[in-house]
C-alpha atoms as a PDB file:
ATOM      1  CA  PRO A   1      16.473   6.660 -12.819  1.00  0.00           C
ATOM      2  CA  PHE A   2      13.087   6.161 -14.525  1.00  0.00           C
ATOM      3  CA  GLU A   3      13.292   9.166 -16.838  1.00  0.00           C
ATOM      4  CA  PRO A   4      12.227  10.073 -19.439  1.00  0.00           C
ATOM      5  CA  LEU A   5       8.767   9.862 -17.916  1.00  0.00           C
ATOM      6  CA  VAL A   6       5.606   9.131 -19.860  1.00  0.00           C
ATOM      7  CA  PRO A   7       4.575  12.280 -21.763  1.00  0.00           C
ATOM      8  CA  GLY A   8       1.238  13.895 -21.072  1.00  0.00           C
ATOM      9  CA  VAL A   9       1.337  13.138 -17.336  1.00  0.00           C
ATOM     10  CA  THR A  10       1.203  15.854 -14.671  1.00  0.00           C
ATOM     11  CA  PHE A  11       2.313  15.106 -11.112  1.00  0.00           C
ATOM     12  CA  VAL A  12       0.838  16.945  -8.128  1.00  0.00           C
ATOM     13  CA  PRO A  13       1.788  16.756  -4.430  1.00  0.00           C
ATOM     14  CA  TYR A  14       0.072  14.062  -2.395  1.00  0.00           C
ATOM     15  CA  ASN A  15      -2.877  15.252  -0.292  1.00  0.00           C
ATOM     16  CA  ASP A  16      -2.752  18.678  -1.987  1.00  0.00           C
ATOM     17  CA  LEU A  17      -6.291  19.104  -3.278  1.00  0.00           C
ATOM     18  CA  ALA A  18      -5.833  22.759  -4.239  1.00  0.00           C
ATOM     19  CA  THR A  19      -2.985  21.912  -6.622  1.00  0.00           C
ATOM     20  CA  ALA A  20      -4.929  18.950  -7.988  1.00  0.00           C
ATOM     21  CA  GLU A  21      -7.889  21.224  -8.670  1.00  0.00           C
ATOM     22  CA  ARG A  22      -5.693  23.506 -10.772  1.00  0.00           C
ATOM     23  CA  ALA A  23      -4.285  20.532 -12.687  1.00  0.00           C
ATOM     24  CA  ILE A  24      -7.551  18.718 -13.471  1.00  0.00           C
ATOM     25  CA  SER A  25      -9.497  20.057 -16.438  1.00  0.00           C
ATOM     26  CA  ASP A  26     -11.720  18.739 -19.211  1.00  0.00           C
ATOM     27  CA  ARG A  27      -8.512  17.690 -21.010  1.00  0.00           C
ATOM     28  CA  VAL A  28      -7.635  15.171 -18.273  1.00  0.00           C
ATOM     29  CA  CYS A  29      -8.724  11.604 -18.980  1.00  0.00           C
ATOM     30  CA  ALA A  30      -7.794   9.991 -15.652  1.00  0.00           C
ATOM     31  CA  VAL A  31      -6.353  10.644 -12.205  1.00  0.00           C
ATOM     32  CA  PHE A  32      -4.143   7.969 -10.607  1.00  0.00           C
ATOM     33  CA  VAL A  33      -3.528   7.825  -6.859  1.00  0.00           C
ATOM     34  CA  GLU A  34      -2.573   5.350  -4.128  1.00  0.00           C
ATOM     35  CA  PRO A  35      -4.894   5.356  -1.089  1.00  0.00           C
ATOM     36  CA  ILE A  36      -1.715   4.576   0.861  1.00  0.00           C
ATOM     37  CA  GLN A  37       1.646   5.386  -0.704  1.00  0.00           C
ATOM     38  CA  GLY A  38       3.958   2.455  -0.111  1.00  0.00           C
ATOM     39  CA  GLU A  39       7.289   3.237  -1.733  1.00  0.00           C
ATOM     40  CA  ARG A  40       7.444   6.898  -0.774  1.00  0.00           C
ATOM     41  CA  GLY A  41       7.139   6.304   2.956  1.00  0.00           C
ATOM     42  CA  VAL A  42       3.719   4.799   3.769  1.00  0.00           C
ATOM     43  CA  TYR A  43       1.681   7.986   3.662  1.00  0.00           C
ATOM     44  CA  MET A  44      -2.105   7.754   3.888  1.00  0.00           C
ATOM     45  CA  ALA A  45      -4.386   9.798   1.675  1.00  0.00           C
ATOM     46  CA  ASP A  46      -6.705  12.085   3.596  1.00  0.00           C
ATOM     47  CA  PRO A  47     -10.350  11.049   3.067  1.00  0.00           C
ATOM     48  CA  GLU A  48     -11.092  14.648   2.084  1.00  0.00           C
ATOM     49  CA  PHE A  49      -8.360  14.484  -0.566  1.00  0.00           C
ATOM     50  CA  LEU A  50      -9.800  11.357  -2.191  1.00  0.00           C
ATOM     51  CA  ALA A  51     -13.338  12.712  -1.936  1.00  0.00           C
ATOM     52  CA  GLY A  52     -12.174  15.922  -3.590  1.00  0.00           C
ATOM     53  CA  LEU A  53     -10.514  13.981  -6.413  1.00  0.00           C
ATOM     54  CA  ARG A  54     -13.728  12.015  -6.885  1.00  0.00           C
ATOM     55  CA  ALA A  55     -15.723  15.225  -7.199  1.00  0.00           C
ATOM     56  CA  LEU A  56     -13.207  16.785  -9.605  1.00  0.00           C
ATOM     57  CA  CYS A  57     -13.181  13.684 -11.792  1.00  0.00           C
ATOM     58  CA  ASP A  58     -16.969  13.648 -11.920  1.00  0.00           C
ATOM     59  CA  GLN A  59     -17.026  17.351 -12.743  1.00  0.00           C
ATOM     60  CA  HIS A  60     -14.549  17.004 -15.616  1.00  0.00           C
ATOM     61  CA  HIS A  61     -15.666  13.549 -16.839  1.00  0.00           C
ATOM     62  CA  ALA A  62     -12.336  11.953 -15.919  1.00  0.00           C
ATOM     63  CA  LEU A  63     -11.771   8.494 -14.469  1.00  0.00           C
ATOM     64  CA  LEU A  64     -10.509   8.022 -10.918  1.00  0.00           C
ATOM     65  CA  VAL A  65      -7.975   5.191 -10.684  1.00  0.00           C
ATOM     66  CA  PHE A  66      -6.747   3.737  -7.390  1.00  0.00           C
ATOM     67  CA  ASP A  67      -3.485   1.799  -7.242  1.00  0.00           C
ATOM     68  CA  GLU A  68      -4.036  -0.813  -4.527  1.00  0.00           C
ATOM     69  CA  VAL A  69      -1.159  -3.104  -5.473  1.00  0.00           C
ATOM     70  CA  GLN A  70       0.385  -2.727  -2.003  1.00  0.00           C
ATOM     71  CA  CYS A  71      -2.478  -1.557   0.174  1.00  0.00           C
ATOM     72  CA  GLY A  72      -5.337  -3.683  -1.189  1.00  0.00           C
ATOM     73  CA  LEU A  73      -6.548  -7.254  -0.702  1.00  0.00           C
ATOM     74  CA  GLY A  74      -6.895  -7.133   3.072  1.00  0.00           C
ATOM     75  CA  ARG A  75      -3.584  -5.454   3.878  1.00  0.00           C
ATOM     76  CA  THR A  76      -5.255  -2.716   5.971  1.00  0.00           C
ATOM     77  CA  GLY A  77      -7.887  -4.854   7.673  1.00  0.00           C
ATOM     78  CA  ARG A  78     -10.490  -4.228   4.997  1.00  0.00           C
ATOM     79  CA  LEU A  79     -10.574  -5.845   1.592  1.00  0.00           C
ATOM     80  CA  TRP A  80      -9.727  -2.553  -0.130  1.00  0.00           C
ATOM     81  CA  ALA A  81      -7.873   0.333   1.486  1.00  0.00           C
ATOM     82  CA  HIS A  82     -10.242   2.884  -0.030  1.00  0.00           C
ATOM     83  CA  GLU A  83     -13.120   1.390   1.970  1.00  0.00           C
ATOM     84  CA  TRP A  84     -11.836   3.306   4.999  1.00  0.00           C
ATOM     85  CA  THR A  85     -12.523   6.571   3.150  1.00  0.00           C
ATOM     86  CA  GLY A  86     -15.901   5.830   1.562  1.00  0.00           C
ATOM     87  CA  VAL A  87     -14.608   6.916  -1.862  1.00  0.00           C
ATOM     88  CA  THR A  88     -15.064   4.501  -4.779  1.00  0.00           C
ATOM     89  CA  PRO A  89     -12.821   4.573  -7.881  1.00  0.00           C
ATOM     90  CA  ASP A  90     -13.729   3.837 -11.485  1.00  0.00           C
ATOM     91  CA  ILE A  91     -10.690   1.604 -11.965  1.00  0.00           C
ATOM     92  CA  MET A  92      -8.480  -0.238  -9.486  1.00  0.00           C
ATOM     93  CA  THR A  93      -5.150  -1.946 -10.114  1.00  0.00           C
ATOM     94  CA  LEU A  94      -4.023  -5.086  -8.287  1.00  0.00           C
ATOM     95  CA  ALA A  95      -0.991  -7.327  -8.562  1.00  0.00           C
ATOM     96  CA  LYS A  96       1.406  -9.368  -6.424  1.00  0.00           C
ATOM     97  CA  PRO A  97      -0.698 -10.275  -3.359  1.00  0.00           C
ATOM     98  CA  LEU A  98      -3.574 -11.563  -5.474  1.00  0.00           C
ATOM     99  CA  ALA A  99      -1.950 -14.921  -6.227  1.00  0.00           C
ATOM    100  CA  GLY A 100       0.004 -15.526  -3.043  1.00  0.00           C
ATOM    101  CA  GLY A 101       3.406 -14.930  -4.608  1.00  0.00           C
ATOM    102  CA  LEU A 102       2.754 -16.200  -8.119  1.00  0.00           C
ATOM    103  CA  PRO A 103       3.052 -13.584 -10.896  1.00  0.00           C
ATOM    104  CA  ILE A 104      -0.242 -11.875 -11.648  1.00  0.00           C
ATOM    105  CA  GLY A 105      -1.735  -8.473 -12.320  1.00  0.00           C
ATOM    106  CA  ALA A 106      -5.376  -7.476 -12.525  1.00  0.00           C
ATOM    107  CA  THR A 107      -7.531  -4.447 -13.183  1.00  0.00           C
ATOM    108  CA  LEU A 108     -11.014  -4.001 -11.755  1.00  0.00           C
ATOM    109  CA  VAL A 109     -13.407  -1.636 -13.513  1.00  0.00           C
ATOM    110  CA  THR A 110     -16.967  -0.478 -13.045  1.00  0.00           C
ATOM    111  CA  ASP A 111     -19.766  -1.746 -15.288  1.00  0.00           C
ATOM    112  CA  PRO A 112     -19.869   1.382 -17.501  1.00  0.00           C
ATOM    113  CA  ILE A 113     -16.166   1.020 -18.281  1.00  0.00           C
ATOM    114  CA  ALA A 114     -16.423  -2.729 -18.778  1.00  0.00           C
ATOM    115  CA  SER A 115     -19.192  -2.204 -21.321  1.00  0.00           C
ATOM    116  CA  ALA A 116     -16.757  -0.243 -23.491  1.00  0.00           C
ATOM    117  CA  ILE A 117     -14.277  -3.140 -23.668  1.00  0.00           C
ATOM    118  CA  GLU A 118     -14.858  -5.891 -26.211  1.00  0.00           C
ATOM    119  CA  PRO A 119     -13.237  -9.353 -26.221  1.00  0.00           C
ATOM    120  CA  GLY A 120      -9.822  -9.026 -27.831  1.00  0.00           C
ATOM    121  CA  ASP A 121      -9.415  -5.316 -27.079  1.00  0.00           C
ATOM    122  CA  HIS A 122      -6.776  -6.045 -24.461  1.00  0.00           C
ATOM    123  CA  GLY A 123      -4.539  -9.025 -23.855  1.00  0.00           C
ATOM    124  CA  SER A 124      -0.999 -10.213 -23.249  1.00  0.00           C
ATOM    125  CA  THR A 125       1.080 -13.323 -23.794  1.00  0.00           C
ATOM    126  CA  PHE A 126       0.637 -14.764 -20.307  1.00  0.00           C
ATOM    127  CA  ALA A 127      -2.775 -13.305 -19.468  1.00  0.00           C
ATOM    128  CA  ALA A 128      -5.422 -15.464 -17.803  1.00  0.00           C
ATOM    129  CA  GLY A 129      -3.194 -18.474 -17.115  1.00  0.00           C
ATOM    130  CA  PRO A 130      -5.552 -21.106 -15.668  1.00  0.00           C
ATOM    131  CA  LEU A 131      -3.217 -22.209 -12.851  1.00  0.00           C
ATOM    132  CA  ILE A 132      -2.471 -18.719 -11.554  1.00  0.00           C
ATOM    133  CA  CYS A 133      -6.093 -17.610 -11.904  1.00  0.00           C
ATOM    134  CA  THR A 134      -7.181 -20.650  -9.872  1.00  0.00           C
ATOM    135  CA  VAL A 135      -4.708 -19.698  -7.151  1.00  0.00           C
ATOM    136  CA  ALA A 136      -5.896 -16.082  -7.274  1.00  0.00           C
ATOM    137  CA  SER A 137      -9.492 -17.206  -6.826  1.00  0.00           C
ATOM    138  CA  ALA A 138      -8.532 -19.244  -3.759  1.00  0.00           C
ATOM    139  CA  VAL A 139      -6.520 -16.356  -2.285  1.00  0.00           C
ATOM    140  CA  PHE A 140      -9.393 -13.939  -2.827  1.00  0.00           C
ATOM    141  CA  ASP A 141     -11.846 -16.287  -1.126  1.00  0.00           C
ATOM    142  CA  GLU A 142      -9.573 -16.431   1.927  1.00  0.00           C
ATOM    143  CA  VAL A 143      -8.623 -12.764   2.320  1.00  0.00           C
ATOM    144  CA  SER A 144     -12.187 -11.561   1.790  1.00  0.00           C
ATOM    145  CA  ARG A 145     -13.535 -13.499   4.778  1.00  0.00           C
ATOM    146  CA  PRO A 146     -14.653 -11.103   7.546  1.00  0.00           C
ATOM    147  CA  GLU A 147     -12.864 -13.217  10.167  1.00  0.00           C
ATOM    148  CA  PHE A 148      -9.601 -13.002   8.230  1.00  0.00           C
ATOM    149  CA  LEU A 149      -9.884  -9.238   7.811  1.00  0.00           C
ATOM    150  CA  GLN A 150     -10.607  -8.792  11.519  1.00  0.00           C
ATOM    151  CA  GLN A 151      -7.510 -10.836  12.316  1.00  0.00           C
ATOM    152  CA  VAL A 152      -5.416  -8.549  10.105  1.00  0.00           C
ATOM    153  CA  GLU A 153      -6.796  -5.462  11.832  1.00  0.00           C
ATOM    154  CA  ASN A 154      -6.162  -6.941  15.290  1.00  0.00           C
ATOM    155  CA  ASN A 155      -2.614  -7.942  14.400  1.00  0.00           C
ATOM    156  CA  GLY A 156      -1.994  -4.502  12.930  1.00  0.00           C
ATOM    157  CA  GLN A 157      -3.027  -2.872  16.192  1.00  0.00           C
ATOM    158  CA  LYS A 158      -0.768  -5.255  18.101  1.00  0.00           C
ATOM    159  CA  MET A 159       2.151  -4.444  15.803  1.00  0.00           C
ATOM    160  CA  ARG A 160       1.579  -0.702  16.153  1.00  0.00           C
ATOM    161  CA  ALA A 161       1.393  -0.856  19.944  1.00  0.00           C
ATOM    162  CA  GLY A 162       4.498  -3.021  20.087  1.00  0.00           C
ATOM    163  CA  LEU A 163       6.516  -0.640  17.936  1.00  0.00           C
ATOM    164  CA  LEU A 164       5.556   2.366  20.038  1.00  0.00           C
ATOM    165  CA  ALA A 165       6.485   0.453  23.184  1.00  0.00           C
ATOM    166  CA  LEU A 166      10.044  -0.003  21.898  1.00  0.00           C
ATOM    167  CA  GLY A 167      10.794   3.648  22.536  1.00  0.00           C
ATOM    168  CA  GLU A 168       8.853   6.587  21.156  1.00  0.00           C
ATOM    169  CA  GLU A 169      11.846   8.885  21.606  1.00  0.00           C
ATOM    170  CA  ARG A 170      13.360   7.385  18.440  1.00  0.00           C
ATOM    171  CA  ILE A 171      10.086   7.453  16.470  1.00  0.00           C
ATOM    172  CA  VAL A 172       9.133  10.641  14.649  1.00  0.00           C
ATOM    173  CA  GLU A 173       5.868   9.251  13.276  1.00  0.00           C
ATOM    174  CA  LEU A 174       4.167   5.882  12.834  1.00  0.00           C
ATOM    175  CA  ARG A 175       1.998   5.848   9.720  1.00  0.00           C
ATOM    176  CA  GLY A 176      -0.199   3.360   7.918  1.00  0.00           C
ATOM    177  CA  ARG A 177      -2.991   0.978   8.797  1.00  0.00           C
ATOM    178  CA  GLY A 178      -3.357  -2.715   9.459  1.00  0.00           C
ATOM    179  CA  LEU A 179      -0.265  -4.635   8.401  1.00  0.00           C
ATOM    180  CA  LEU A 180       1.165  -1.870   6.231  1.00  0.00           C
ATOM    181  CA  LEU A 181       3.087   0.417   8.561  1.00  0.00           C
ATOM    182  CA  GLY A 182       5.797   2.988   8.028  1.00  0.00           C
ATOM    183  CA  MET A 183       7.856   4.026  11.024  1.00  0.00           C
ATOM    184  CA  GLN A 184       9.619   7.357  10.534  1.00  0.00           C
ATOM    185  CA  GLY A 185      12.777   7.147  12.618  1.00  0.00           C
ATOM    186  CA  ASN A 186      15.016   9.869  13.992  1.00  0.00           C
ATOM    187  CA  GLY A 187      17.738   8.949  11.506  1.00  0.00           C
ATOM    188  CA  PRO A 188      18.779   6.278   8.999  1.00  0.00           C
ATOM    189  CA  VAL A 189      17.009   2.919   9.340  1.00  0.00           C
ATOM    190  CA  LYS A 190      19.526   0.895   7.329  1.00  0.00           C
ATOM    191  CA  PRO A 191      21.667  -0.060  10.369  1.00  0.00           C
ATOM    192  CA  LEU A 192      18.558  -1.368  12.145  1.00  0.00           C
ATOM    193  CA  ILE A 193      17.448  -3.283   9.045  1.00  0.00           C
ATOM    194  CA  GLU A 194      20.835  -4.959   8.705  1.00  0.00           C
ATOM    195  CA  ALA A 195      21.006  -5.831  12.400  1.00  0.00           C
ATOM    196  CA  ALA A 196      17.461  -7.224  12.350  1.00  0.00           C
ATOM    197  CA  ARG A 197      18.325  -9.399   9.368  1.00  0.00           C
ATOM    198  CA  GLN A 198      21.222 -10.871  11.304  1.00  0.00           C
ATOM    199  CA  GLY A 199      18.705 -11.691  14.018  1.00  0.00           C
ATOM    200  CA  GLY A 200      16.397 -13.481  11.602  1.00  0.00           C
ATOM    201  CA  LEU A 201      13.910 -10.685  10.871  1.00  0.00           C
ATOM    202  CA  ILE A 202      13.432  -9.204   7.410  1.00  0.00           C
ATOM    203  CA  VAL A 203      12.137  -5.631   7.269  1.00  0.00           C
ATOM    204  CA  ILE A 204      12.604  -3.095   4.495  1.00  0.00           C
ATOM    205  CA  SER A 205      12.806   0.643   4.069  1.00  0.00           C
ATOM    206  CA  ALA A 206      10.636   3.191   2.302  1.00  0.00           C
ATOM    207  CA  GLY A 207      13.147   5.995   2.168  1.00  0.00           C
ATOM    208  CA  GLU A 208      16.296   6.602   4.174  1.00  0.00           C
ATOM    209  CA  GLU A 209      14.528   7.161   7.488  1.00  0.00           C
ATOM    210  CA  VAL A 210      11.376   5.032   7.166  1.00  0.00           C
ATOM    211  CA  LEU A 211      11.126   1.420   8.280  1.00  0.00           C
ATOM    212  CA  ARG A 212       8.421  -0.304   6.239  1.00  0.00           C
ATOM    213  CA  ILE A 213       6.673  -3.182   7.975  1.00  0.00           C
ATOM    214  CA  CYS A 214       4.431  -5.325   5.780  1.00  0.00           C
ATOM    215  CA  PRO A 215       4.519  -8.929   7.015  1.00  0.00           C
ATOM    216  CA  PRO A 216       2.453 -11.772   5.541  1.00  0.00           C
ATOM    217  CA  LEU A 217      -1.228 -11.329   6.336  1.00  0.00           C
ATOM    218  CA  THR A 218      -1.155 -14.787   7.913  1.00  0.00           C
ATOM    219  CA  ILE A 219       1.330 -13.718  10.591  1.00  0.00           C
ATOM    220  CA  SER A 220       0.429 -14.936  14.080  1.00  0.00           C
ATOM    221  CA  PRO A 221       0.500 -12.912  17.317  1.00  0.00           C
ATOM    222  CA  GLU A 222       3.395 -15.092  18.476  1.00  0.00           C
ATOM    223  CA  GLU A 223       5.376 -14.260  15.341  1.00  0.00           C
ATOM    224  CA  ILE A 224       4.682 -10.564  15.891  1.00  0.00           C
ATOM    225  CA  ASP A 225       6.086 -10.853  19.406  1.00  0.00           C
ATOM    226  CA  ALA A 226       9.174 -12.631  18.063  1.00  0.00           C
ATOM    227  CA  GLY A 227       9.741  -9.930  15.442  1.00  0.00           C
ATOM    228  CA  LEU A 228       9.303  -7.143  17.972  1.00  0.00           C
ATOM    229  CA  GLN A 229      11.821  -8.868  20.220  1.00  0.00           C
ATOM    230  CA  VAL A 230      14.434  -8.798  17.442  1.00  0.00           C
ATOM    231  CA  LEU A 231      13.779  -5.089  16.910  1.00  0.00           C
ATOM    232  CA  ALA A 232      14.014  -4.459  20.648  1.00  0.00           C
ATOM    233  CA  GLU A 233      17.388  -6.193  20.823  1.00  0.00           C
ATOM    234  CA  ASN A 234      18.715  -3.949  18.042  1.00  0.00           C
ATOM    235  CA  TRP A 235      16.763  -0.761  18.779  1.00  0.00           C
ATOM    236  CA  ASN A 236      19.941   1.183  19.523  1.00  0.00           C
ATOM    237  CA  MET A 237      20.879   0.834  15.844  1.00  0.00           C
ATOM    238  CA  LEU A 238      17.983   3.067  14.761  1.00  0.00           C
ATOM    239  CA  GLY A 239      19.279   6.441  13.646  1.00  0.00           C
ATOM    240  CA  ARG A 240      22.932   5.464  13.658  1.00  0.00           C
ATOM    241  CA  VAL A 241      25.187   6.877  10.985  1.00  0.00           C
ATOM    242  CA  ASP A 242      28.636   5.772   9.861  1.00  0.00           C
ATOM    243  CA  GLY A 243      31.127   6.416  12.609  1.00  0.00           C
ATOM    244  CA  ASP A 244      28.660   6.226  15.507  1.00  0.00           C
END
């Protein structure tokens, strides 16, 4: 539905370093990748894949760009998802979580790239609104606290353990880290999503058979238990198809 795509862009399979190596040459200006793919099904990039992209970009003088709109800002238990891999990008994109629900987007760049940008080179009608930037600053101060990040990691482990305890026979794979999890079911997840909503729990999908779980980072252990209880009460809906 998004075609025609932007010209001059080559797509390669995720975590396929050999194909990426064939695609990256001195004619490539930048490589874009998500450390954790959210929309496609919550797939995590292998550290070796990101390290290989870093080396290829350095070799061919290309920029490495990480999209951390979904996986950044504490979502995985560290401030940035790429911190788990030890690979640092040249550019990083951020958005929705930065201002706690208010509309914002941001791009972080390294000093060498920043030195090439002059005042007035880039702007937009609603850029740098003082109210939203003040909120973003407050959000950043909170989510970057070590105690907050540890809480996210602990709650993520609790969520993961609770999901597996519901019944691993219906779970093909549980992917992700922290409070960004993708549960690959043994069939369609839509019936479970609809039943959970009726029970007061909102979860979403990332593909027909993947339940995406990305609650607010401020979720409490008690709220996790309550959400898991709703899923447990409707667990038999996982994998159902019309007519079952």
